[in-house]
N, C-alpha and C. Protein backbone atom coordinates (compact mmCIF):
# COMPACT_ATOMS: atom_id res chain seq x y z
N MET A 1 19.86 -60.49 -32.23
CA MET A 1 19.96 -59.23 -32.69
C MET A 1 18.79 -58.33 -32.85
N ALA A 2 17.63 -59.12 -32.92
CA ALA A 2 16.40 -58.37 -32.98
C ALA A 2 16.11 -57.93 -31.54
N THR A 3 16.59 -58.24 -30.63
CA THR A 3 16.57 -57.65 -29.11
C THR A 3 17.22 -56.34 -28.86
N LEU A 4 18.10 -56.36 -29.68
CA LEU A 4 19.02 -54.77 -29.52
C LEU A 4 18.23 -53.72 -30.05
N GLY A 5 17.37 -53.90 -30.93
CA GLY A 5 16.72 -52.67 -31.46
C GLY A 5 15.40 -52.05 -30.60
N PHE A 6 15.35 -53.03 -29.47
CA PHE A 6 14.37 -52.55 -28.09
C PHE A 6 15.30 -51.86 -26.88
N MET A 7 16.58 -52.31 -26.93
CA MET A 7 17.24 -51.84 -25.83
C MET A 7 17.62 -50.31 -25.68
N LYS A 8 17.79 -49.92 -24.72
CA LYS A 8 17.95 -48.39 -24.79
C LYS A 8 19.27 -48.19 -23.79
N SER A 9 19.90 -47.01 -24.25
CA SER A 9 21.13 -46.97 -23.29
C SER A 9 20.47 -46.20 -21.90
N GLY A 10 21.46 -45.92 -20.87
CA GLY A 10 20.97 -45.42 -19.59
C GLY A 10 20.77 -43.93 -19.89
N ARG A 11 21.25 -43.31 -20.88
CA ARG A 11 21.07 -41.75 -20.99
C ARG A 11 19.75 -41.55 -21.62
N GLN A 12 19.32 -42.44 -22.64
CA GLN A 12 17.79 -42.48 -23.26
C GLN A 12 17.09 -42.70 -22.11
N ARG A 13 17.00 -43.76 -21.42
CA ARG A 13 16.29 -44.13 -20.38
C ARG A 13 16.10 -43.10 -19.31
N ARG A 14 17.08 -42.35 -18.92
CA ARG A 14 17.23 -41.46 -17.83
C ARG A 14 16.40 -40.22 -18.42
N ALA A 15 16.45 -39.82 -20.12
CA ALA A 15 15.83 -38.82 -20.58
C ALA A 15 14.35 -39.13 -20.56
N GLU A 16 13.79 -40.19 -20.56
CA GLU A 16 12.29 -40.64 -20.59
C GLU A 16 11.80 -40.72 -19.32
N ILE A 17 12.68 -40.85 -18.22
CA ILE A 17 11.95 -41.04 -16.90
C ILE A 17 11.95 -39.25 -16.40
N ASP A 18 13.03 -38.49 -16.93
CA ASP A 18 13.26 -36.99 -16.62
C ASP A 18 11.79 -36.25 -17.33
N LEU A 19 11.58 -36.75 -18.66
CA LEU A 19 10.21 -36.48 -19.32
C LEU A 19 9.03 -36.68 -18.62
N LYS A 20 8.79 -37.81 -17.93
CA LYS A 20 7.75 -38.28 -17.46
C LYS A 20 7.67 -37.38 -16.13
N ARG A 21 8.72 -37.26 -15.25
CA ARG A 21 8.48 -36.72 -14.10
C ARG A 21 8.19 -35.02 -14.29
N ALA A 22 8.56 -34.46 -15.32
CA ALA A 22 8.31 -33.15 -15.73
C ALA A 22 6.95 -32.78 -16.06
N GLU A 23 6.39 -33.99 -17.05
CA GLU A 23 4.81 -33.86 -17.36
C GLU A 23 4.28 -34.24 -16.20
N SER A 24 4.56 -34.93 -15.06
CA SER A 24 3.69 -34.98 -13.81
C SER A 24 3.87 -33.89 -13.00
N ARG A 25 5.02 -33.20 -13.00
CA ARG A 25 5.12 -32.03 -12.25
C ARG A 25 4.07 -30.87 -12.58
N GLU A 26 4.32 -30.84 -14.13
CA GLU A 26 3.25 -29.85 -14.99
C GLU A 26 1.88 -30.07 -14.45
N LYS A 27 1.31 -31.49 -14.66
CA LYS A 27 0.12 -31.70 -14.37
C LYS A 27 -0.52 -31.32 -12.81
N VAL A 28 0.50 -31.68 -11.99
CA VAL A 28 0.13 -31.08 -10.48
C VAL A 28 0.24 -29.68 -10.61
N ALA A 29 0.98 -28.91 -11.12
CA ALA A 29 1.01 -27.29 -11.01
C ALA A 29 -0.27 -26.89 -11.49
N SER A 30 -0.71 -27.54 -12.70
CA SER A 30 -1.80 -26.79 -13.40
C SER A 30 -2.95 -27.31 -12.75
N ARG A 31 -3.00 -28.41 -11.88
CA ARG A 31 -4.10 -28.64 -11.06
C ARG A 31 -4.24 -27.78 -10.08
N SER A 32 -3.21 -27.42 -9.31
CA SER A 32 -3.06 -26.60 -8.21
C SER A 32 -3.50 -25.13 -8.84
N ARG A 33 -3.10 -24.73 -10.20
CA ARG A 33 -3.32 -23.44 -10.45
C ARG A 33 -4.76 -23.22 -10.68
N GLN A 34 -5.49 -24.40 -11.30
CA GLN A 34 -7.05 -24.14 -11.45
C GLN A 34 -7.63 -24.21 -10.36
N GLU A 35 -7.32 -25.06 -9.30
CA GLU A 35 -7.88 -24.76 -7.81
C GLU A 35 -7.77 -23.56 -7.47
N ALA A 36 -6.27 -22.91 -7.25
CA ALA A 36 -6.38 -21.53 -7.09
C ALA A 36 -7.00 -20.39 -7.92
N LEU A 37 -7.48 -20.67 -8.98
CA LEU A 37 -8.48 -19.80 -9.66
C LEU A 37 -9.85 -19.67 -9.17
N ARG A 38 -10.14 -20.69 -8.87
CA ARG A 38 -11.80 -21.15 -8.70
C ARG A 38 -11.85 -20.61 -7.05
N ASN A 39 -10.84 -20.61 -6.44
CA ASN A 39 -11.12 -20.10 -4.63
C ASN A 39 -10.78 -18.76 -4.47
N ASN A 40 -9.83 -18.17 -5.38
CA ASN A 40 -9.58 -16.91 -5.21
C ASN A 40 -9.97 -15.59 -6.08
N VAL A 41 -9.68 -14.42 -5.38
CA VAL A 41 -10.17 -13.24 -6.06
C VAL A 41 -8.92 -12.86 -7.35
N MET A 42 -9.32 -12.59 -8.48
CA MET A 42 -8.23 -12.52 -9.72
C MET A 42 -7.90 -11.07 -9.54
N VAL A 43 -6.62 -10.92 -10.11
CA VAL A 43 -5.97 -9.53 -10.01
C VAL A 43 -6.36 -9.14 -11.57
N ASN A 44 -6.75 -7.79 -11.73
CA ASN A 44 -6.71 -6.90 -13.01
C ASN A 44 -5.66 -6.10 -12.96
N PRO A 45 -4.48 -6.31 -13.72
CA PRO A 45 -3.50 -5.47 -13.56
C PRO A 45 -3.47 -4.24 -14.18
N ALA A 46 -4.72 -4.01 -15.04
CA ALA A 46 -4.88 -2.63 -15.66
C ALA A 46 -5.60 -1.83 -14.93
N LEU A 47 -6.30 -2.35 -13.77
CA LEU A 47 -6.80 -1.32 -12.84
C LEU A 47 -5.62 -0.93 -11.94
N LEU A 48 -4.60 -1.50 -11.65
CA LEU A 48 -3.55 -0.92 -10.63
C LEU A 48 -3.02 0.28 -10.87
N ARG A 49 -2.67 0.94 -9.52
CA ARG A 49 -1.99 2.23 -9.91
C ARG A 49 -0.44 2.01 -10.52
N PRO A 50 -0.04 3.21 -11.30
CA PRO A 50 1.32 2.67 -11.91
C PRO A 50 2.20 2.90 -10.75
N THR A 51 3.27 2.30 -10.86
CA THR A 51 4.46 2.21 -9.82
C THR A 51 5.88 2.38 -10.78
N ASN A 52 6.64 3.10 -10.29
CA ASN A 52 7.87 3.25 -10.93
C ASN A 52 8.86 2.21 -10.52
N SER A 53 8.50 1.11 -10.13
CA SER A 53 9.41 -0.19 -9.47
C SER A 53 9.81 -1.06 -10.94
N TYR A 54 10.90 -1.68 -10.77
CA TYR A 54 11.07 -2.60 -11.80
C TYR A 54 10.76 -4.16 -11.77
N SER A 55 10.21 -4.28 -10.54
CA SER A 55 9.69 -5.33 -9.99
C SER A 55 8.44 -5.38 -10.02
N ILE A 56 7.79 -6.52 -9.92
CA ILE A 56 5.97 -6.49 -9.96
C ILE A 56 6.02 -7.40 -8.50
N PRO A 57 4.68 -6.94 -7.94
CA PRO A 57 4.25 -7.52 -6.49
C PRO A 57 3.88 -9.10 -6.85
N ASP A 58 4.16 -9.74 -5.89
CA ASP A 58 3.77 -11.42 -6.07
C ASP A 58 2.34 -11.40 -6.42
N PHE A 59 1.45 -10.49 -5.96
CA PHE A 59 -0.10 -11.22 -6.36
C PHE A 59 -0.24 -10.79 -7.68
N VAL A 60 0.60 -9.94 -8.30
CA VAL A 60 0.44 -9.75 -9.68
C VAL A 60 0.92 -10.87 -10.39
N GLU A 61 2.08 -11.39 -9.96
CA GLU A 61 2.86 -12.25 -10.78
C GLU A 61 1.82 -13.56 -10.64
N ARG A 62 1.59 -13.73 -9.46
CA ARG A 62 0.56 -15.06 -9.05
C ARG A 62 -0.57 -15.13 -10.03
N GLY A 63 -1.42 -13.75 -10.03
CA GLY A 63 -2.36 -13.50 -10.81
C GLY A 63 -3.79 -13.68 -9.95
N TYR A 64 -3.71 -13.83 -8.65
CA TYR A 64 -4.88 -13.72 -7.65
C TYR A 64 -4.19 -13.15 -6.41
N TYR A 65 -5.07 -12.75 -5.37
CA TYR A 65 -5.02 -12.67 -4.33
C TYR A 65 -5.21 -13.56 -3.32
N VAL A 66 -4.64 -13.64 -2.35
CA VAL A 66 -4.56 -14.61 -1.27
C VAL A 66 -4.74 -14.09 0.11
N ASP A 67 -5.15 -14.86 1.26
CA ASP A 67 -5.15 -14.12 2.59
C ASP A 67 -3.87 -13.92 3.07
N ARG A 68 -3.74 -12.77 3.61
CA ARG A 68 -2.32 -12.41 4.23
C ARG A 68 -2.57 -11.89 5.66
N SER A 69 -1.90 -12.61 6.49
CA SER A 69 -2.23 -12.25 8.05
C SER A 69 -1.26 -11.16 8.31
N PHE A 70 -1.56 -10.44 9.48
CA PHE A 70 -0.83 -9.26 9.94
C PHE A 70 -1.01 -8.92 11.36
N ARG A 71 -0.28 -8.46 12.17
CA ARG A 71 -0.50 -8.10 13.68
C ARG A 71 -0.76 -6.79 13.43
N CYS A 72 -1.85 -5.91 14.23
CA CYS A 72 -2.10 -4.72 14.00
C CYS A 72 -1.05 -4.02 14.86
N LYS A 73 -0.68 -2.73 13.89
CA LYS A 73 0.42 -1.97 14.74
C LYS A 73 -0.18 -1.33 15.90
N ASP A 74 -1.31 -0.94 16.09
CA ASP A 74 -1.54 -0.46 17.50
C ASP A 74 -1.94 -1.25 18.71
N CYS A 75 -3.06 -2.40 18.48
CA CYS A 75 -3.25 -3.14 19.57
C CYS A 75 -2.89 -4.47 19.37
N GLY A 76 -2.03 -5.15 18.54
CA GLY A 76 -1.37 -6.13 18.55
C GLY A 76 -2.10 -7.29 18.21
N LYS A 77 -3.44 -7.17 17.76
CA LYS A 77 -4.46 -8.16 17.51
C LYS A 77 -4.28 -8.85 16.33
N ALA A 78 -3.76 -10.33 16.12
CA ALA A 78 -3.84 -10.77 14.92
C ALA A 78 -4.96 -10.73 14.09
N GLU A 79 -4.61 -10.19 12.55
CA GLU A 79 -5.72 -10.14 11.64
C GLU A 79 -5.47 -10.78 10.15
N VAL A 80 -6.31 -11.02 9.54
CA VAL A 80 -6.37 -11.44 8.02
C VAL A 80 -6.84 -10.33 7.17
N TRP A 81 -5.91 -10.18 6.14
CA TRP A 81 -6.49 -9.17 5.11
C TRP A 81 -6.94 -10.05 3.87
N SER A 82 -8.21 -10.23 3.85
CA SER A 82 -8.95 -11.10 2.99
C SER A 82 -8.38 -10.50 1.52
N PRO A 83 -8.70 -11.46 0.48
CA PRO A 83 -8.48 -10.92 -0.84
C PRO A 83 -9.29 -10.10 -1.62
N THR A 84 -10.61 -10.12 -1.03
CA THR A 84 -11.61 -8.86 -1.57
C THR A 84 -11.14 -7.65 -0.87
N GLN A 85 -10.68 -7.49 0.12
CA GLN A 85 -10.12 -6.05 0.87
C GLN A 85 -8.84 -5.89 -0.06
N GLN A 86 -8.10 -6.61 -0.25
CA GLN A 86 -7.11 -6.38 -1.10
C GLN A 86 -7.34 -5.96 -2.46
N LYS A 87 -8.49 -6.72 -3.17
CA LYS A 87 -8.81 -5.93 -4.39
C LYS A 87 -9.38 -4.63 -4.34
N TRP A 88 -10.09 -4.50 -3.42
CA TRP A 88 -10.80 -3.27 -3.17
C TRP A 88 -9.67 -2.20 -2.92
N TRP A 89 -8.84 -2.35 -2.14
CA TRP A 89 -7.52 -1.31 -1.77
C TRP A 89 -6.56 -1.28 -3.08
N TYR A 90 -6.36 -2.39 -3.69
CA TYR A 90 -5.14 -1.97 -4.82
C TYR A 90 -6.04 -1.46 -6.06
N GLU A 91 -7.33 -1.99 -6.37
CA GLU A 91 -7.66 -1.62 -7.76
C GLU A 91 -9.06 -0.57 -7.64
N SER A 92 -9.61 -0.69 -6.79
CA SER A 92 -10.79 0.50 -6.42
C SER A 92 -10.08 1.72 -5.86
N ALA A 93 -9.40 1.44 -4.62
CA ALA A 93 -8.97 2.72 -4.01
C ALA A 93 -7.65 3.31 -4.50
N LYS A 94 -7.20 2.44 -5.47
CA LYS A 94 -5.90 2.83 -6.11
C LYS A 94 -4.56 3.00 -5.14
N GLY A 95 -4.87 2.06 -4.25
CA GLY A 95 -3.67 2.24 -3.02
C GLY A 95 -2.30 1.86 -3.78
N ASP A 96 -1.32 1.90 -3.25
CA ASP A 96 0.02 1.35 -3.79
C ASP A 96 0.20 0.12 -3.62
N VAL A 97 0.79 -0.33 -4.67
CA VAL A 97 0.87 -2.04 -4.52
C VAL A 97 1.55 -2.59 -3.65
N TRP A 98 2.83 -1.69 -3.10
CA TRP A 98 3.75 -2.21 -2.25
C TRP A 98 3.56 -2.08 -0.76
N THR A 99 2.01 -1.65 -0.61
CA THR A 99 1.71 -1.25 0.71
C THR A 99 0.68 -2.56 1.25
N THR A 100 0.59 -2.91 2.61
CA THR A 100 -0.07 -3.86 3.08
C THR A 100 -0.86 -3.37 4.29
N ALA A 101 -1.93 -4.10 4.93
CA ALA A 101 -2.76 -3.66 5.87
C ALA A 101 -1.89 -3.64 7.14
N VAL A 102 -1.83 -2.53 7.93
CA VAL A 102 -1.08 -2.73 9.26
C VAL A 102 -2.02 -2.57 10.63
N ARG A 103 -3.18 -1.90 10.27
CA ARG A 103 -4.35 -1.71 11.40
C ARG A 103 -5.39 -2.62 11.32
N CYS A 104 -5.93 -3.04 12.20
CA CYS A 104 -7.40 -3.84 12.25
C CYS A 104 -8.44 -2.68 12.11
N ARG A 105 -9.77 -2.87 11.77
CA ARG A 105 -10.86 -2.07 11.45
C ARG A 105 -10.97 -0.87 12.51
N PRO A 106 -10.95 -1.55 13.93
CA PRO A 106 -11.54 -0.42 14.96
C PRO A 106 -10.19 0.45 15.20
N CYS A 107 -9.07 0.03 14.98
CA CYS A 107 -7.78 0.94 15.21
C CYS A 107 -7.72 1.98 14.23
N ARG A 108 -7.96 1.66 12.92
CA ARG A 108 -8.07 2.38 11.55
C ARG A 108 -9.01 3.48 11.83
N ARG A 109 -10.25 3.03 12.33
CA ARG A 109 -11.33 4.08 12.53
C ARG A 109 -11.01 5.25 13.60
N ARG A 110 -10.14 4.69 14.72
CA ARG A 110 -9.85 5.34 15.89
C ARG A 110 -8.72 6.45 15.27
N GLU A 111 -7.72 5.82 14.27
CA GLU A 111 -6.76 6.67 13.76
C GLU A 111 -7.37 7.80 12.95
N ARG A 112 -8.33 7.39 12.05
CA ARG A 112 -8.95 8.31 11.44
C ARG A 112 -9.62 9.66 12.05
N GLU A 113 -10.33 9.10 13.00
CA GLU A 113 -11.04 10.05 14.16
C GLU A 113 -9.65 10.92 14.41
N ARG A 114 -8.81 10.39 14.98
CA ARG A 114 -7.67 11.17 15.80
C ARG A 114 -6.91 12.30 14.57
N VAL A 115 -6.94 11.77 13.38
CA VAL A 115 -6.19 12.82 12.39
C VAL A 115 -7.34 13.66 12.25
N VAL A 116 -8.56 13.38 12.25
CA VAL A 116 -9.61 14.60 11.82
C VAL A 116 -9.57 15.63 13.11
N ALA A 117 -9.51 15.13 14.13
CA ALA A 117 -9.34 15.90 15.28
C ALA A 117 -8.20 16.99 15.45
N ALA A 118 -7.13 16.33 15.05
CA ALA A 118 -5.82 17.24 15.00
C ALA A 118 -5.85 17.98 13.96
N ARG A 119 -6.40 17.47 12.60
CA ARG A 119 -6.46 18.68 11.78
C ARG A 119 -7.52 19.71 12.14
N MET A 120 -8.73 19.36 12.83
CA MET A 120 -9.58 20.68 13.10
C MET A 120 -8.66 21.45 14.30
N VAL A 121 -7.85 21.07 15.12
CA VAL A 121 -7.15 22.03 16.36
C VAL A 121 -6.31 22.66 15.36
N SER A 122 -5.51 22.11 14.40
CA SER A 122 -4.59 22.81 13.70
C SER A 122 -5.25 24.05 12.88
N THR A 123 -6.13 23.96 12.10
CA THR A 123 -6.77 24.97 11.28
C THR A 123 -7.54 25.75 12.26
N ALA A 124 -7.85 25.43 13.51
CA ALA A 124 -8.37 26.62 14.59
C ALA A 124 -7.21 27.17 14.97
N GLY A 125 -6.15 26.48 15.32
CA GLY A 125 -4.90 27.42 15.69
C GLY A 125 -4.61 28.39 14.56
N LEU A 126 -4.58 28.17 13.08
CA LEU A 126 -4.26 28.80 12.22
C LEU A 126 -5.04 29.96 12.06
N ALA A 127 -6.56 29.86 12.36
CA ALA A 127 -7.58 30.93 12.34
C ALA A 127 -7.26 31.86 13.23
N ARG A 128 -6.64 31.75 14.18
CA ARG A 128 -6.53 32.55 15.30
C ARG A 128 -5.48 33.68 14.88
């Protein structure tokens, strides 16, 4: 009879196992979050431009920026949009939170020069 006090039902044992597994998963997730916080650039949601969307971008939900790979729209070169570049775009330049990089630096510079030249041609045509 004394041994009956130490015996557990399958349901009780299963609950203990599930609890231990949940604690273990939380410990691993916490460790990976701490690792991510050490290595990544943090998001400051107060500095982001207001948006009229019901959802929030993944980087805000995550709390930090990560490298984003993309292919340049003009030359097709594979590029990486770094966390510091993202932070500047979203928080300093107040870019829309739903936009991402689509052009590499040389193609962006070329596109800017093209737009400036087109604007000059347009204003010269209007002046006539």
